C-alpha atoms as a PDB file:
ATOM      1  CA  UNK A   1       0.000   0.000   0.000  1.00  0.00           C
ATOM      2  CA  UNK A   2       1.276   3.448  -0.872  1.00  0.00           C
ATOM      3  CA  UNK A   3       2.033   5.599   2.172  1.00  0.00           C
ATOM      4  CA  UNK A   4      -0.474   8.310   1.234  1.00  0.00           C
ATOM      5  CA  UNK A   5      -3.373   5.824   1.151  1.00  0.00           C
ATOM      6  CA  UNK A   6      -2.976   5.373   4.905  1.00  0.00           C
ATOM      7  CA  UNK A   7      -4.398   8.839   5.544  1.00  0.00           C
ATOM      8  CA  UNK A   8      -7.806  10.430   5.093  1.00  0.00           C
ATOM      9  CA  UNK A   9      -8.308  13.558   3.039  1.00  0.00           C
ATOM     10  CA  UNK A  10      -8.575  16.740   5.097  1.00  0.00           C
ATOM     11  CA  UNK A  11     -12.061  17.125   6.448  1.00  0.00           C
ATOM     12  CA  UNK A  12     -13.842  19.075   9.137  1.00  0.00           C
ATOM     13  CA  UNK A  13     -14.103  17.259  12.471  1.00  0.00           C
ATOM     14  CA  UNK A  14     -17.166  17.894  14.615  1.00  0.00           C
ATOM     15  CA  UNK A  15     -17.783  17.428  18.316  1.00  0.00           C
ATOM     16  CA  UNK A  16     -20.863  15.516  19.468  1.00  0.00           C
ATOM     17  CA  UNK A  17     -22.060  14.122  22.756  1.00  0.00           C
ATOM     18  CA  UNK A  18     -23.123  10.471  22.758  1.00  0.00           C
ATOM     19  CA  UNK A  19     -23.726   7.838  25.413  1.00  0.00           C
ATOM     20  CA  UNK A  20     -21.173   5.029  25.212  1.00  0.00           C
ATOM     21  CA  UNK A  21     -21.268   1.816  27.221  1.00  0.00           C
ATOM     22  CA  UNK A  22     -18.592   1.878  29.896  1.00  0.00           C
ATOM     23  CA  UNK A  23     -17.017  -1.468  29.006  1.00  0.00           C
ATOM     24  CA  UNK A  24     -16.721  -0.493  25.342  1.00  0.00           C
ATOM     25  CA  UNK A  25     -15.094   2.822  26.208  1.00  0.00           C
ATOM     26  CA  UNK A  26     -12.676   1.096  28.609  1.00  0.00           C
ATOM     27  CA  UNK A  27     -11.615  -1.300  25.855  1.00  0.00           C
ATOM     28  CA  UNK A  28     -11.121   1.599  23.431  1.00  0.00           C
ATOM     29  CA  UNK A  29      -8.970   3.356  26.011  1.00  0.00           C
ATOM     30  CA  UNK A  30      -6.863   0.214  26.471  1.00  0.00           C
ATOM     31  CA  UNK A  31      -6.361  -0.225  22.724  1.00  0.00           C
ATOM     32  CA  UNK A  32      -5.495   3.450  22.263  1.00  0.00           C
ATOM     33  CA  UNK A  33      -3.015   3.439  25.139  1.00  0.00           C
ATOM     34  CA  UNK A  34      -1.316   0.083  24.574  1.00  0.00           C
ATOM     35  CA  UNK A  35      -1.978  -1.394  21.159  1.00  0.00           C
ATOM     36  CA  UNK A  36      -2.608   1.054  18.310  1.00  0.00           C
ATOM     37  CA  UNK A  37      -1.199   4.443  17.417  1.00  0.00           C
ATOM     38  CA  UNK A  38      -4.660   6.036  17.348  1.00  0.00           C
ATOM     39  CA  UNK A  39      -6.753   8.188  19.649  1.00  0.00           C
ATOM     40  CA  UNK A  40     -10.071   6.939  21.005  1.00  0.00           C
ATOM     41  CA  UNK A  41     -11.846   9.430  18.720  1.00  0.00           C
ATOM     42  CA  UNK A  42     -10.059   8.096  15.651  1.00  0.00           C
ATOM     43  CA  UNK A  43     -10.874   4.500  16.594  1.00  0.00           C
ATOM     44  CA  UNK A  44     -14.556   5.418  17.060  1.00  0.00           C
ATOM     45  CA  UNK A  45     -14.512   7.278  13.732  1.00  0.00           C
ATOM     46  CA  UNK A  46     -12.992   4.228  11.995  1.00  0.00           C
ATOM     47  CA  UNK A  47     -15.523   1.859  13.611  1.00  0.00           C
ATOM     48  CA  UNK A  48     -18.420   4.006  12.378  1.00  0.00           C
ATOM     49  CA  UNK A  49     -16.833   4.312   8.927  1.00  0.00           C
ATOM     50  CA  UNK A  50     -16.580   0.509   8.761  1.00  0.00           C
ATOM     51  CA  UNK A  51     -20.145  -0.078   9.975  1.00  0.00           C
ATOM     52  CA  UNK A  52     -22.463  -1.500   7.359  1.00  0.00           C
ATOM     53  CA  UNK A  53     -26.033  -2.220   8.360  1.00  0.00           C
ATOM     54  CA  UNK A  54     -27.894  -4.453   5.960  1.00  0.00           C
ATOM     55  CA  UNK A  55     -31.573  -5.201   6.140  1.00  0.00           C
ATOM     56  CA  UNK A  56     -31.002  -7.010   9.437  1.00  0.00           C
ATOM     57  CA  UNK A  57     -30.130  -4.698  12.295  1.00  0.00           C
ATOM     58  CA  UNK A  58     -28.459  -6.380  15.269  1.00  0.00           C
ATOM     59  CA  UNK A  59     -29.201  -4.664  18.557  1.00  0.00           C
ATOM     60  CA  UNK A  60     -26.921  -5.922  21.305  1.00  0.00           C
ATOM     61  CA  UNK A  61     -28.223  -6.726  24.749  1.00  0.00           C
ATOM     62  CA  UNK A  62     -26.749  -4.425  27.364  1.00  0.00           C
ATOM     63  CA  UNK A  63     -25.179  -6.072  30.383  1.00  0.00           C
ATOM     64  CA  UNK A  64     -27.373  -5.887  33.483  1.00  0.00           C
ATOM     65  CA  UNK A  65     -25.109  -3.590  35.510  1.00  0.00           C
ATOM     66  CA  UNK A  66     -23.615  -1.752  32.528  1.00  0.00           C
ATOM     67  CA  UNK A  67     -24.035   2.003  32.498  1.00  0.00           C
ATOM     68  CA  UNK A  68     -23.828   4.359  29.564  1.00  0.00           C
ATOM     69  CA  UNK A  69     -21.748   7.461  30.098  1.00  0.00           C
ATOM     70  CA  UNK A  70     -22.195  10.617  28.050  1.00  0.00           C
ATOM     71  CA  UNK A  71     -18.954  11.300  26.212  1.00  0.00           C
ATOM     72  CA  UNK A  72     -17.903  14.057  23.878  1.00  0.00           C
ATOM     73  CA  UNK A  73     -16.457  12.565  20.742  1.00  0.00           C
ATOM     74  CA  UNK A  74     -14.891  14.197  17.722  1.00  0.00           C
ATOM     75  CA  UNK A  75     -15.600  12.544  14.377  1.00  0.00           C
ATOM     76  CA  UNK A  76     -15.333  13.506  10.738  1.00  0.00           C
ATOM     77  CA  UNK A  77     -18.271  15.439   9.361  1.00  0.00           C
ATOM     78  CA  UNK A  78     -18.929  12.788   6.680  1.00  0.00           C
ATOM     79  CA  UNK A  79     -19.062  10.081   9.348  1.00  0.00           C
ATOM     80  CA  UNK A  80     -21.625  12.058  11.348  1.00  0.00           C
ATOM     81  CA  UNK A  81     -23.658  12.450   8.149  1.00  0.00           C
ATOM     82  CA  UNK A  82     -23.511   8.660   7.751  1.00  0.00           C
ATOM     83  CA  UNK A  83     -24.858   8.281  11.313  1.00  0.00           C
ATOM     84  CA  UNK A  84     -27.675  10.736  10.626  1.00  0.00           C
ATOM     85  CA  UNK A  85     -28.626   8.869   7.443  1.00  0.00           C
ATOM     86  CA  UNK A  86     -28.690   5.538   9.312  1.00  0.00           C
ATOM     87  CA  UNK A  87     -30.697   7.075  12.163  1.00  0.00           C
ATOM     88  CA  UNK A  88     -33.287   8.279   9.692  1.00  0.00           C
ATOM     89  CA  UNK A  89     -33.373   5.016   7.721  1.00  0.00           C
ATOM     90  CA  UNK A  90     -33.486   2.585  10.658  1.00  0.00           C
ATOM     91  CA  UNK A  91     -34.980   4.679  13.466  1.00  0.00           C
ATOM     92  CA  UNK A  92     -32.061   3.944  15.791  1.00  0.00           C
ATOM     93  CA  UNK A  93     -30.559   6.693  17.932  1.00  0.00           C
ATOM     94  CA  UNK A  94     -27.102   8.054  17.162  1.00  0.00           C
ATOM     95  CA  UNK A  95     -25.830   6.785  20.536  1.00  0.00           C
ATOM     96  CA  UNK A  96     -27.049   3.243  19.824  1.00  0.00           C
ATOM     97  CA  UNK A  97     -25.537   3.329  16.354  1.00  0.00           C
ATOM     98  CA  UNK A  98     -22.200   4.450  17.802  1.00  0.00           C
ATOM     99  CA  UNK A  99     -22.303   1.627  20.363  1.00  0.00           C
ATOM    100  CA  UNK A 100     -23.172  -0.914  17.650  1.00  0.00           C
ATOM    101  CA  UNK A 101     -20.279   0.371  15.521  1.00  0.00           C
ATOM    102  CA  UNK A 102     -17.826   0.187  18.428  1.00  0.00           C
ATOM    103  CA  UNK A 103     -18.963  -3.296  19.486  1.00  0.00           C
ATOM    104  CA  UNK A 104     -18.788  -4.592  15.907  1.00  0.00           C
ATOM    105  CA  UNK A 105     -15.382  -2.980  15.400  1.00  0.00           C
ATOM    106  CA  UNK A 106     -14.014  -4.446  18.626  1.00  0.00           C
ATOM    107  CA  UNK A 107     -15.284  -7.910  17.681  1.00  0.00           C
ATOM    108  CA  UNK A 108     -13.490  -7.663  14.309  1.00  0.00           C
ATOM    109  CA  UNK A 109     -10.330  -6.418  16.041  1.00  0.00           C
ATOM    110  CA  UNK A 110     -10.434  -9.322  18.512  1.00  0.00           C
ATOM    111  CA  UNK A 111     -10.717 -11.859  15.652  1.00  0.00           C
ATOM    112  CA  UNK A 112      -7.679 -10.344  13.953  1.00  0.00           C
ATOM    113  CA  UNK A 113      -5.590 -10.353  17.132  1.00  0.00           C
END
């Protein structure tokens, strides 16, 4: 792969507040600190970018004692537009879509590791 294909084109980043499951955020923090050269925001952005929802939408069951914590995230404007389009199409909140994207991304990452 050419070096310049490893980077995104310049784009506006926007700040949004979403509720993220605590265990997912903790895992993102661990990956960002110890495993990948990427911030938590960039990992979330990549997970959302990778998310493809077909006609079957998988909603994950939340752990009994799991709490969602409101977090400010910074993602690319085009990625937020993708979330808004999916919210409108599927009737799923932005926060739930973000959690689905993170969970799906972490599952893929675990299989690779």
